[in-house]
Amino acid sequence: MHRLIRLLGVLSIVMVAGLGAFIQPAAAQDDEVRIVVVSHGQASDPFWSVEQNGEAQA
């Protein structure tokens, strides 16, 4: 039973490390960051006017 638990632990570490090798280069290739904002408020709402100003600055 202990061998099985140890084997599963080692396999999970190997899988996570293997996935990291594939994910990291894909993230490094993106030079441009795209942020999409979906607002549900009106322009007269004070919260959304502040949010829109922050969005424009970003």
Protein backbone atom coordinates (compact mmCIF):
# COMPACT_ATOMS: atom_id res chain seq x y z
CA MET A 1 0.00 0.00 0.00
CA HIS A 2 2.83 2.41 0.85
CA ARG A 3 4.54 1.63 -2.46
CA LEU A 4 1.36 2.52 -4.34
CA ILE A 5 1.02 5.84 -2.54
CA ARG A 6 4.69 6.63 -3.12
CA LEU A 7 4.41 5.67 -6.80
CA LEU A 8 1.33 7.88 -7.25
CA GLY A 9 3.16 10.77 -5.58
CA VAL A 10 6.17 10.40 -7.86
CA LEU A 11 3.98 10.09 -10.95
CA SER A 12 2.03 13.22 -10.04
CA ILE A 13 5.26 15.21 -9.60
CA VAL A 14 6.55 13.97 -12.95
CA MET A 15 3.26 14.88 -14.65
CA VAL A 16 3.22 18.40 -13.20
CA ALA A 17 6.83 18.96 -14.20
CA GLY A 18 6.12 17.67 -17.68
CA LEU A 19 3.13 19.97 -18.10
CA GLY A 20 5.23 22.93 -16.98
CA ALA A 21 7.64 22.29 -19.83
CA PHE A 22 4.81 22.66 -22.34
CA ILE A 23 2.98 25.58 -20.70
CA GLN A 24 5.97 27.87 -20.09
CA PRO A 25 7.16 28.23 -23.73
CA ALA A 26 3.61 28.91 -24.90
CA ALA A 27 3.25 31.77 -22.41
CA ALA A 28 6.66 33.18 -23.36
CA GLN A 29 5.68 33.44 -27.03
CA ASP A 30 2.84 35.91 -26.39
CA ASP A 31 4.26 39.42 -26.66
CA GLU A 32 0.93 41.21 -26.40
CA VAL A 33 -1.47 41.01 -23.47
CA ARG A 34 -5.15 41.32 -24.33
CA ILE A 35 -7.64 42.17 -21.59
CA VAL A 36 -11.35 42.08 -22.35
CA VAL A 37 -13.72 43.98 -20.08
CA VAL A 38 -17.45 43.28 -20.04
CA SER A 39 -19.32 45.97 -18.15
CA HIS A 40 -22.93 45.62 -17.08
CA GLY A 41 -23.53 49.18 -15.95
CA GLN A 42 -24.64 52.42 -17.46
CA ALA A 43 -22.35 55.37 -18.17
CA SER A 44 -24.20 57.37 -15.49
CA ASP A 45 -23.34 54.80 -12.77
CA PRO A 46 -20.43 56.18 -10.67
CA PHE A 47 -18.80 52.76 -10.25
CA TRP A 48 -18.63 52.05 -13.96
CA SER A 49 -17.35 55.54 -14.79
CA VAL A 50 -14.39 54.96 -12.43
CA GLU A 51 -13.86 51.50 -13.90
CA GLN A 52 -13.94 52.88 -17.43
CA ASN A 53 -11.31 55.53 -16.53
CA GLY A 54 -9.04 52.82 -15.12
CA GLU A 55 -9.57 50.70 -18.19
CA ALA A 56 -8.63 53.60 -20.46
CA GLN A 57 -5.43 54.26 -18.46
CA ALA A 58 -4.42 50.62 -18.61
